[in-house]
Amino acid sequence: MKKLTWKRGTKIVSFVLSALLITGVFNGCGNKATDKDDQGRTMIYVSPWPANQGKELDAMNEQKNKFESNNPDVVVLGDTWKFDLKTFYPKAAAGRLPTIYNANFTEASQIIAAGYSSDITDVLEKHGILDKFNKQILDVVSKDGRVYAFPTSVYALGMGCNIDMFEKAGLMEPDGTPKQPKDWNEVAEFAVKIKEATGKPGLVLPTSANNGGWIFTPIAWSFGVNFMEKDSDGKWHATFDCPEMVEALQWVKDLKWKYDVLPANSLIDNTEYYKTFCTGNAGMIICTDSTNQAISYDMEAEQLGMLAMPSGPKKHVTLMGGYLHVISNKATDDQIEAATKWIETSFNYKLTDQYKESTDKTIDLKRSNGGLIGQNSMSVWNENAETVAYEREQQEKKANINLNHVKLYNDFISNLGDCELRPEEPVCAQELYGILDSCIQEILTNKDADISELVRKANKDFQANYLDNVDY
């Protein structure tokens, strides 16, 4: 679903909110008139709580019981509501958000601007964890030097590769590590070799349902594109009508019409994107983690490889995203304190026995459910955190994939070097992705498409239809 721009979203929210209030929908859990129960304990409502019986619910109840035993002045209450834009704004406007709720990085700026998150800077500093975060990640949840959310997980785009196809194309090192394309030109060269050796597309790119624009943005950044800028009056301006944007789209166009290394299908959504790669019908894919999708399509673990994000002609950059725990703006000081303690039981830089137990259970549960273990994820903490080292040790110890096949990506996220981490665009990101989808589809279906004209029109439409409506 596309995000609401702020001006349009406010009108819709007001209408929906009025309707919901009239029909009495706002019953049930949320922030109450008091933050204390009848025993004087601080109540915190935690979302999303598992709705159904099973291993996840058992694990959450066990965490709740242990937490309440260690913090007898707090009671944890589960809220099964899950964040989505349809229900978030009405719920927030009515003051019915749970004490703790999850969101992703894309929503961070809107949530903070709307005032629906508590300033947690002081409590993070009090707990001694403020300076333990990865600075680039903390910037995503900050405004005017204050922190408004607790980042809990983060990803960075890299490239997945099919090891069998890499072997046939002569793209493997003697030690069993796949070769790394250093830039987008080498990606095209690798794709050609794969096509020649296997007869299959060397690379798959998404093109629809906003996925094409999402994957394309870091490619464009690496060519030197800036999609938008904010002026001194607080107004946003589209800035991607530029030679660098034309060059980036020309690279995509060449994959189709010059190199012929893309699938014949030019309408590829997220499902088709991973299906194409995980069923052996493309040699490379730009992604964060294809291990879960690989399971869905019965891709053999030995076939799965991960590479670092290639560089562009102007810079080495990759897109980061992730998830946040947000503490409601209606939370009292006691609830903010209790909520932070709750979050820390699962997300902490300190290597406590409880953290070890929680991490081990998470990895074991994933593996018991058929998950693939061995590819590391980025950490919200800086590299000096004890928990980062422990989790990666456990990933290696319990790995059920070939670690050499994912070594390049694991090394990449451990030491980004000169690679810049960038979050998604700050406003109207989904709308931008949709516009970019249209550009990509046009150049892949029309050999004679005028890229310069496409870019000019896209920049103009994005400004008039979306950025001109942003009020923050």
Protein backbone atom coordinates (compact mmCIF):
# COMPACT_ATOMS: atom_id res chain seq x y z
CA MET A 1 0.00 0.00 0.00
CA LYS A 2 1.23 3.48 -0.80
CA LYS A 3 1.82 5.92 2.00
CA LEU A 4 -0.47 8.88 2.44
CA THR A 5 1.12 12.22 1.78
CA TRP A 6 0.75 14.37 4.85
CA LYS A 7 -1.86 16.86 3.65
CA ARG A 8 -4.09 14.25 2.04
CA GLY A 9 -3.50 11.81 4.87
CA THR A 10 -4.64 14.27 7.52
CA LYS A 11 -8.00 14.78 5.81
CA ILE A 12 -8.57 11.06 5.41
CA VAL A 13 -7.54 10.36 8.99
CA SER A 14 -9.95 12.99 10.32
CA PHE A 15 -12.83 11.43 8.41
CA VAL A 16 -11.99 7.87 9.45
CA LEU A 17 -11.42 8.90 13.05
CA SER A 18 -14.82 10.60 13.24
CA ALA A 19 -16.53 7.54 11.81
CA LEU A 20 -14.77 5.21 14.21
CA LEU A 21 -15.58 7.34 17.22
CA ILE A 22 -19.25 7.44 16.23
CA THR A 23 -19.42 3.66 15.93
CA GLY A 24 -17.52 3.10 19.15
CA VAL A 25 -14.69 1.11 17.60
CA PHE A 26 -12.09 2.37 20.06
CA ASN A 27 -12.66 -0.21 22.76
CA GLY A 28 -10.12 -2.68 24.06
CA CYS A 29 -6.51 -2.32 25.06
CA GLY A 30 -4.32 0.72 24.60
CA ASN A 31 -3.21 3.55 26.84
CA LYS A 32 -5.67 3.81 29.71
CA ALA A 33 -6.49 6.74 31.95
CA THR A 34 -3.90 5.43 34.37
CA ASP A 35 -0.61 3.63 33.87
CA LYS A 36 -1.03 1.63 37.11
CA ASP A 37 -2.98 -1.53 37.88
CA ASP A 38 -4.83 -2.11 41.15
CA GLN A 39 -1.60 -3.35 42.74
CA GLY A 40 0.25 -0.16 41.87
CA ARG A 41 2.34 -1.83 39.13
CA THR A 42 3.21 0.06 35.96
CA MET A 43 1.30 -1.41 33.02
CA ILE A 44 2.87 -1.56 29.57
CA TYR A 45 1.05 -2.74 26.47
CA VAL A 46 3.33 -4.56 24.03
CA SER A 47 2.59 -4.93 20.31
CA PRO A 48 2.57 -7.04 18.25
CA TRP A 49 1.75 -9.93 20.59
CA PRO A 50 1.27 -13.35 18.94
CA ALA A 51 -2.46 -13.94 18.43
CA ASN A 52 -2.40 -17.71 18.11
CA GLN A 53 -1.18 -20.59 20.22
CA GLY A 54 2.22 -21.89 19.19
CA LYS A 55 5.95 -21.57 19.71
CA GLU A 56 5.97 -17.78 19.25
CA LEU A 57 3.27 -17.22 21.86
CA ASP A 58 4.95 -19.64 24.26
CA ALA A 59 8.25 -17.77 23.85
CA MET A 60 6.60 -14.39 24.48
CA ASN A 61 4.79 -15.64 27.58
CA GLU A 62 8.04 -17.07 28.90
CA GLN A 63 9.76 -13.72 28.30
CA LYS A 64 6.87 -11.92 30.01
CA ASN A 65 6.99 -14.18 33.09
CA LYS A 66 10.74 -13.82 33.43
CA PHE A 67 10.59 -10.05 32.96
CA GLU A 68 7.84 -9.61 35.55
CA SER A 69 9.76 -11.79 37.99
CA ASN A 70 12.80 -9.54 37.60
CA ASN A 71 10.67 -6.37 37.60
CA PRO A 72 7.83 -6.97 40.11
CA ASP A 73 6.68 -3.35 39.79
CA VAL A 74 5.76 -3.86 36.11
CA VAL A 75 3.03 -5.88 34.41
CA VAL A 76 3.26 -6.69 30.68
CA LEU A 77 0.01 -6.85 28.69
CA GLY A 78 -0.03 -8.18 25.15
CA ASP A 79 -1.65 -6.29 22.28
CA THR A 80 -2.14 -8.27 19.06
CA TRP A 81 -2.46 -5.14 16.90
CA LYS A 82 0.16 -4.97 14.16
CA PHE A 83 1.36 -1.74 12.62
CA ASP A 84 -0.23 -0.81 9.32
CA LEU A 85 -1.00 2.58 7.86
CA LYS A 86 -4.75 1.97 7.55
CA THR A 87 -5.21 1.68 11.30
CA PHE A 88 -2.19 3.51 12.69
CA TYR A 89 -3.21 7.14 12.23
CA PRO A 90 -6.78 6.75 13.54
CA LYS A 91 -5.45 4.76 16.50
CA ALA A 92 -2.73 7.32 17.18
CA ALA A 93 -5.06 10.31 16.87
CA ALA A 94 -7.41 8.70 19.40
CA GLY A 95 -4.56 8.12 21.85
CA ARG A 96 -5.01 4.35 21.67
CA LEU A 97 -1.55 3.21 20.65
CA PRO A 98 0.04 0.44 22.71
CA THR A 99 2.91 1.54 24.94
CA ILE A 100 5.36 -0.22 22.62
CA TYR A 101 4.67 -0.71 18.93
CA ASN A 102 6.76 -1.72 15.96
CA ALA A 103 7.30 0.22 12.75
CA ASN A 104 9.87 0.19 9.99
CA PHE A 105 12.46 2.79 9.08
CA THR A 106 10.29 4.16 6.27
CA GLU A 107 7.67 5.37 8.73
CA ALA A 108 10.12 6.84 11.27
CA SER A 109 10.18 10.40 9.96
CA GLN A 110 6.38 10.61 9.67
CA ILE A 111 5.79 9.17 13.13
CA ILE A 112 8.29 11.55 14.71
CA ALA A 113 6.98 14.57 12.79
CA ALA A 114 3.41 13.75 13.85
CA GLY A 115 4.46 13.56 17.50
CA TYR A 116 3.32 9.98 18.05
CA SER A 117 6.57 8.82 19.65
CA SER A 118 8.14 9.64 23.00
CA ASP A 119 11.52 11.32 23.33
CA ILE A 120 13.63 8.51 24.82
CA THR A 121 17.02 10.23 24.70
CA ASP A 122 17.36 10.66 28.45
CA VAL A 123 16.31 7.14 29.37
CA LEU A 124 18.71 5.66 26.77
CA GLU A 125 21.50 7.78 28.24
CA LYS A 126 20.49 6.78 31.77
CA HIS A 127 20.68 3.11 30.79
CA GLY A 128 24.13 3.66 29.29
CA ILE A 129 23.20 2.58 25.79
CA LEU A 130 22.84 5.80 23.82
CA ASP A 131 26.45 5.82 22.63
CA LYS A 132 26.44 2.09 21.87
CA PHE A 133 24.24 2.40 18.77
CA ASN A 134 25.60 2.51 15.25
CA LYS A 135 25.60 6.28 14.64
CA GLN A 136 24.28 6.02 11.07
CA ILE A 137 21.33 3.99 12.28
CA LEU A 138 20.57 6.24 15.24
CA ASP A 139 20.33 9.23 12.88
CA VAL A 140 17.25 7.64 11.26
CA VAL A 141 15.28 7.86 14.54
CA SER A 142 16.56 11.26 15.64
CA LYS A 143 15.33 14.82 15.23
CA ASP A 144 17.11 17.96 16.39
CA GLY A 145 19.60 15.85 18.33
CA ARG A 146 16.91 13.89 20.22
CA VAL A 147 16.07 10.19 19.83
CA TYR A 148 12.46 9.09 19.33
CA ALA A 149 12.62 5.34 18.68
CA PHE A 150 14.67 2.29 19.55
CA PRO A 151 16.12 0.63 16.42
CA THR A 152 15.94 -3.16 16.82
CA SER A 153 17.01 -4.60 13.50
CA VAL A 154 18.62 -3.29 10.36
CA TYR A 155 19.44 -4.59 6.92
CA ALA A 156 21.65 -3.45 4.07
CA LEU A 157 21.18 -4.41 0.44
CA GLY A 158 23.72 -6.71 -1.14
CA MET A 159 23.53 -9.24 -3.98
CA GLY A 160 22.38 -12.82 -3.92
CA CYS A 161 23.90 -15.28 -6.37
CA ASN A 162 23.18 -18.81 -7.56
CA ILE A 163 26.33 -20.81 -6.82
CA ASP A 164 25.65 -23.49 -9.45
CA MET A 165 25.31 -20.84 -12.14
CA PHE A 166 28.40 -19.02 -10.90
CA GLU A 167 30.39 -22.25 -11.11
CA LYS A 168 29.25 -22.90 -14.68
CA ALA A 169 30.17 -19.32 -15.63
CA GLY A 170 33.66 -19.57 -14.07
CA LEU A 171 32.82 -17.01 -11.39
CA MET A 172 34.06 -18.91 -8.34
CA GLU A 173 37.33 -18.52 -6.47
CA PRO A 174 39.45 -21.65 -5.73
CA ASP A 175 38.41 -21.56 -2.05
CA GLY A 176 34.72 -21.83 -2.91
CA THR A 177 33.96 -18.14 -2.47
CA PRO A 178 31.99 -16.52 -5.32
CA LYS A 179 33.73 -13.70 -7.16
CA GLN A 180 32.68 -10.17 -6.30
CA PRO A 181 31.59 -7.74 -9.04
CA LYS A 182 33.24 -4.50 -7.99
CA ASP A 183 30.84 -2.20 -9.87
CA TRP A 184 27.69 -2.19 -12.01
CA ASN A 185 29.70 -2.65 -15.21
CA GLU A 186 31.09 -5.89 -13.79
CA VAL A 187 27.59 -6.94 -12.76
CA ALA A 188 26.61 -6.67 -16.44
CA GLU A 189 29.74 -8.64 -17.43
CA PHE A 190 28.96 -11.37 -14.87
CA ALA A 191 25.37 -11.52 -16.14
CA VAL A 192 26.57 -12.01 -19.72
CA LYS A 193 28.86 -14.87 -18.65
CA ILE A 194 26.00 -16.54 -16.78
CA LYS A 195 23.66 -16.21 -19.78
CA GLU A 196 26.30 -17.65 -22.11
CA ALA A 197 27.08 -20.56 -19.78
CA THR A 198 23.55 -21.50 -18.70
CA GLY A 199 21.12 -19.97 -21.17
CA LYS A 200 19.34 -18.35 -18.22
CA PRO A 201 19.07 -14.64 -17.37
CA GLY A 202 22.15 -13.45 -15.53
CA LEU A 203 20.20 -10.99 -13.37
CA VAL A 204 16.63 -10.29 -12.33
CA LEU A 205 15.32 -6.86 -11.35
CA PRO A 206 11.85 -6.06 -9.97
CA THR A 207 9.74 -3.64 -11.97
CA SER A 208 6.31 -3.33 -10.35
CA ALA A 209 4.31 -2.81 -7.13
CA ASN A 210 6.93 -0.23 -6.01
CA ASN A 211 9.62 -2.91 -5.78
CA GLY A 212 11.40 -1.76 -8.91
CA GLY A 213 11.79 1.79 -7.63
CA TRP A 214 12.88 0.56 -4.21
CA ILE A 215 15.71 -1.57 -5.62
CA PHE A 216 16.65 1.08 -8.18
CA THR A 217 17.17 3.93 -5.69
CA PRO A 218 20.58 2.76 -4.37
CA ILE A 219 21.71 2.12 -7.96
CA ALA A 220 20.75 5.70 -8.81
CA TRP A 221 22.47 7.04 -5.67
CA SER A 222 25.66 5.29 -6.73
CA PHE A 223 25.50 7.14 -10.08
CA GLY A 224 25.28 10.41 -8.13
CA VAL A 225 21.51 11.00 -8.13
CA ASN A 226 19.82 12.96 -5.34
CA PHE A 227 16.08 12.47 -5.55
CA MET A 228 14.94 15.39 -3.39
CA GLU A 229 16.13 18.33 -1.33
CA LYS A 230 14.53 20.47 1.37
CA ASP A 231 14.96 24.23 1.10
CA SER A 232 15.31 26.79 3.91
CA ASP A 233 11.53 27.29 3.96
CA GLY A 234 10.93 23.61 4.65
CA LYS A 235 9.64 22.85 1.15
CA TRP A 236 10.70 19.70 -0.67
CA HIS A 237 11.91 19.78 -4.27
CA ALA A 238 12.39 16.89 -6.71
CA THR A 239 15.96 16.98 -8.02
CA PHE A 240 16.39 13.84 -10.13
CA ASP A 241 16.00 15.46 -13.54
CA CYS A 242 19.74 15.22 -14.09
CA PRO A 243 22.35 13.49 -16.31
CA GLU A 244 23.20 11.05 -13.53
CA MET A 245 19.62 9.76 -13.48
CA VAL A 246 19.66 9.30 -17.24
CA GLU A 247 22.91 7.37 -16.94
CA ALA A 248 21.54 5.09 -14.21
CA LEU A 249 18.43 4.25 -16.21
CA GLN A 250 20.56 3.71 -19.32
CA TRP A 251 22.45 1.00 -17.41
CA VAL A 252 19.14 -0.75 -16.72
CA LYS A 253 18.04 -0.32 -20.34
CA ASP A 254 21.31 -1.80 -21.59
CA LEU A 255 20.76 -4.93 -19.50
CA LYS A 256 17.69 -5.58 -21.65
CA TRP A 257 18.54 -4.27 -25.10
CA LYS A 258 22.35 -4.39 -25.27
CA TYR A 259 23.25 -7.41 -23.13
CA ASP A 260 19.95 -9.37 -23.11
CA VAL A 261 20.51 -10.68 -19.59
CA LEU A 262 17.10 -9.99 -17.98
CA PRO A 263 14.01 -12.25 -17.90
CA ALA A 264 11.56 -11.88 -20.78
CA ASN A 265 8.84 -10.88 -18.31
CA SER A 266 9.00 -7.12 -17.74
CA LEU A 267 6.33 -6.99 -15.01
CA ILE A 268 7.98 -8.46 -11.93
CA ASP A 269 6.60 -7.87 -8.44
CA ASN A 270 8.27 -8.96 -5.21
CA THR A 271 6.88 -12.51 -5.34
CA GLU A 272 7.94 -13.06 -8.93
CA TYR A 273 11.30 -11.44 -8.19
CA TYR A 274 12.30 -13.99 -5.57
CA LYS A 275 10.58 -16.86 -7.34
CA THR A 276 12.65 -16.21 -10.46
CA PHE A 277 15.91 -16.26 -8.52
CA CYS A 278 15.09 -19.07 -6.09
CA THR A 279 13.91 -21.45 -8.81
CA GLY A 280 17.19 -21.14 -10.70
CA ASN A 281 15.92 -18.80 -13.42
CA ALA A 282 18.34 -15.95 -12.75
CA GLY A 283 21.95 -15.87 -11.62
CA MET A 284 21.92 -12.73 -9.45
CA ILE A 285 19.47 -10.66 -7.43
CA ILE A 286 19.79 -7.44 -5.41
CA CYS A 287 18.46 -8.24 -1.95
CA THR A 288 19.05 -8.21 1.78
CA ASP A 289 18.50 -11.84 2.66
CA SER A 290 17.17 -14.46 0.28
CA THR A 291 17.39 -17.32 2.79
CA ASN A 292 13.73 -17.23 3.80
CA GLN A 293 12.56 -17.06 0.18
CA ALA A 294 14.96 -19.88 -0.74
CA ILE A 295 13.12 -22.17 1.67
CA SER A 296 9.77 -21.31 0.11
CA TYR A 297 10.93 -22.42 -3.32
CA ASP A 298 13.00 -25.43 -2.18
CA MET A 299 16.27 -23.87 -3.29
CA GLU A 300 19.13 -26.02 -2.06
CA ALA A 301 21.19 -24.39 0.68
CA GLU A 302 24.38 -25.13 -1.26
CA GLN A 303 23.11 -23.04 -4.18
CA LEU A 304 22.72 -19.87 -2.15
CA GLY A 305 25.42 -17.19 -2.14
CA MET A 306 25.56 -13.56 -1.01
CA LEU A 307 27.83 -10.78 -2.23
CA ALA A 308 28.59 -7.22 -1.19
CA MET A 309 26.75 -4.36 -2.87
CA PRO A 310 28.68 -3.25 -5.98
CA SER A 311 29.91 0.31 -6.32
CA GLY A 312 28.70 2.92 -8.78
CA PRO A 313 30.65 5.40 -10.91
CA LYS A 314 30.23 8.21 -8.35
CA LYS A 315 30.05 6.46 -4.97
CA HIS A 316 29.76 3.20 -3.10
CA VAL A 317 26.39 3.26 -1.36
CA THR A 318 23.75 0.82 -0.22
CA LEU A 319 20.23 1.14 1.05
CA MET A 320 19.52 0.30 4.66
CA GLY A 321 16.22 -0.34 6.33
CA GLY A 322 14.95 -2.06 9.39
CA TYR A 323 12.53 -2.10 12.26
CA LEU A 324 11.97 0.04 15.30
CA HIS A 325 10.36 -0.20 18.68
CA VAL A 326 8.48 3.02 19.27
CA ILE A 327 7.21 4.09 22.68
CA SER A 328 3.87 5.89 22.44
CA ASN A 329 3.71 9.63 22.96
CA LYS A 330 1.04 8.96 25.61
CA ALA A 331 3.42 6.90 27.76
CA THR A 332 4.19 8.21 31.24
CA ASP A 333 7.75 8.45 32.57
CA ASP A 334 7.25 5.19 34.44
CA GLN A 335 5.98 3.49 31.30
CA ILE A 336 8.91 4.80 29.25
CA GLU A 337 11.31 3.40 31.85
CA ALA A 338 9.53 0.02 31.98
CA ALA A 339 9.17 -0.17 28.19
CA THR A 340 12.88 0.49 27.70
CA LYS A 341 13.73 -2.29 30.14
CA TRP A 342 11.40 -4.64 28.24
CA ILE A 343 13.00 -3.80 24.91
CA GLU A 344 16.44 -4.34 26.39
CA THR A 345 15.63 -7.95 27.30
CA SER A 346 15.82 -8.82 23.58
CA PHE A 347 17.89 -5.96 22.17
CA ASN A 348 20.96 -5.06 24.15
CA TYR A 349 24.64 -4.52 23.61
CA LYS A 350 25.37 -6.23 26.95
CA LEU A 351 26.13 -9.93 26.77
CA THR A 352 23.90 -11.10 29.61
CA ASP A 353 22.81 -14.66 30.28
CA GLN A 354 19.29 -13.64 29.35
CA TYR A 355 20.49 -12.25 26.02
CA LYS A 356 22.42 -15.45 25.28
CA GLU A 357 19.37 -17.55 26.07
CA SER A 358 17.10 -15.37 23.96
CA THR A 359 19.51 -15.39 21.00
CA ASP A 360 20.04 -19.15 21.17
CA LYS A 361 16.30 -19.78 21.25
CA THR A 362 15.69 -17.46 18.30
CA ILE A 363 18.32 -19.19 16.15
CA ASP A 364 17.20 -22.67 17.22
CA LEU A 365 13.55 -21.81 16.53
CA LYS A 366 14.40 -20.51 13.06
CA ARG A 367 16.42 -23.61 12.28
CA SER A 368 13.74 -25.97 13.63
CA ASN A 369 11.24 -24.25 11.32
CA GLY A 370 13.48 -24.99 8.33
CA GLY A 371 15.26 -21.65 8.29
CA LEU A 372 18.76 -21.21 6.89
CA ILE A 373 21.44 -20.12 9.34
CA GLY A 374 24.83 -18.60 8.56
CA GLN A 375 24.20 -15.31 6.79
CA ASN A 376 24.72 -12.44 9.21
CA SER A 377 22.53 -9.41 9.57
CA MET A 378 23.65 -5.90 10.30
CA SER A 379 23.51 -4.86 13.92
CA VAL A 380 21.98 -1.71 15.35
CA TRP A 381 24.96 -1.62 17.71
CA ASN A 382 28.46 -0.51 16.89
CA GLU A 383 30.98 -3.22 16.20
CA ASN A 384 32.39 -3.09 19.75
CA ALA A 385 29.18 -4.52 21.22
CA GLU A 386 29.62 -7.91 22.86
CA THR A 387 26.24 -9.09 21.63
CA VAL A 388 27.23 -8.59 17.99
CA ALA A 389 30.19 -10.94 18.35
CA TYR A 390 28.13 -13.52 20.25
CA GLU A 391 25.29 -13.63 17.74
CA ARG A 392 27.69 -14.01 14.83
CA GLU A 393 29.56 -16.78 16.64
CA GLN A 394 26.29 -18.62 17.12
CA GLN A 395 25.31 -18.10 13.49
CA GLU A 396 28.61 -19.65 12.43
CA LYS A 397 28.41 -22.47 14.98
CA LYS A 398 24.86 -23.45 13.95
CA ALA A 399 25.18 -22.68 10.25
CA ASN A 400 23.40 -24.99 7.82
CA ILE A 401 24.59 -23.14 4.71
CA ASN A 402 28.10 -22.98 3.22
CA LEU A 403 29.79 -20.08 5.02
CA ASN A 404 32.20 -19.48 2.12
CA HIS A 405 29.19 -18.79 -0.09
CA VAL A 406 28.05 -15.89 2.11
CA LYS A 407 31.48 -14.72 3.30
CA LEU A 408 31.61 -11.67 1.04
CA TYR A 409 28.33 -10.30 2.37
CA ASN A 410 29.14 -11.15 5.99
CA ASP A 411 32.47 -9.34 5.66
CA PHE A 412 30.75 -6.41 3.91
CA ILE A 413 28.28 -5.66 6.70
CA SER A 414 30.98 -6.14 9.36
CA ASN A 415 33.24 -3.58 7.70
CA LEU A 416 31.48 -1.25 5.30
CA GLY A 417 34.69 0.65 4.61
CA ASP A 418 33.93 3.46 2.19
CA CYS A 419 30.37 2.25 1.57
CA GLU A 420 27.73 4.77 2.64
CA LEU A 421 24.60 3.50 4.39
CA ARG A 422 21.51 5.44 3.37
CA PRO A 423 17.93 5.06 4.60
CA GLU A 424 14.98 5.32 2.25
CA GLU A 425 14.05 8.75 0.97
CA PRO A 426 12.56 10.88 3.79
CA VAL A 427 9.17 11.74 2.30
CA CYS A 428 6.80 10.11 -0.21
CA ALA A 429 9.17 7.20 -0.72
CA GLN A 430 6.47 4.78 -1.85
CA GLU A 431 5.07 7.29 -4.33
CA LEU A 432 8.57 7.82 -5.71
CA TYR A 433 9.00 4.07 -6.13
CA GLY A 434 5.78 3.87 -8.11
CA ILE A 435 6.92 6.59 -10.48
CA LEU A 436 10.29 4.88 -10.92
CA ASP A 437 8.50 1.59 -11.63
CA SER A 438 6.80 3.27 -14.59
CA CYS A 439 10.13 4.54 -15.93
CA ILE A 440 11.74 1.12 -15.62
CA GLN A 441 8.83 -0.66 -17.28
CA GLU A 442 8.91 1.78 -20.19
CA ILE A 443 12.61 1.35 -20.93
CA LEU A 444 12.32 -2.45 -20.69
CA THR A 445 9.35 -2.66 -23.06
CA ASN A 446 10.27 0.11 -25.49
CA LYS A 447 13.69 -0.08 -27.08
CA ASP A 448 13.28 3.47 -28.41
CA ALA A 449 12.22 5.02 -25.09
CA ASP A 450 13.62 8.53 -24.59
CA ILE A 451 15.15 8.34 -21.12
CA SER A 452 15.75 12.06 -20.81
CA GLU A 453 12.10 12.81 -21.50
CA LEU A 454 10.96 10.06 -19.12
CA VAL A 455 13.10 11.54 -16.36
CA ARG A 456 11.91 15.09 -17.00
CA LYS A 457 8.25 14.04 -16.80
CA ALA A 458 8.79 11.80 -13.75
CA ASN A 459 10.52 14.59 -11.85
CA LYS A 460 7.73 17.04 -12.72
CA ASP A 461 4.96 14.60 -11.77
CA PHE A 462 6.59 13.67 -8.46
CA GLN A 463 6.86 17.34 -7.54
CA ALA A 464 3.34 18.33 -8.54
CA ASN A 465 1.47 15.27 -7.30
CA TYR A 466 3.36 14.53 -4.09
CA LEU A 467 6.09 16.85 -2.83
CA ASP A 468 3.92 19.96 -3.27
CA ASN A 469 1.47 18.34 -0.81
CA VAL A 470 3.97 17.63 1.96
CA ASP A 471 3.45 19.85 5.00
CA TYR A 472 6.40 18.85 7.16
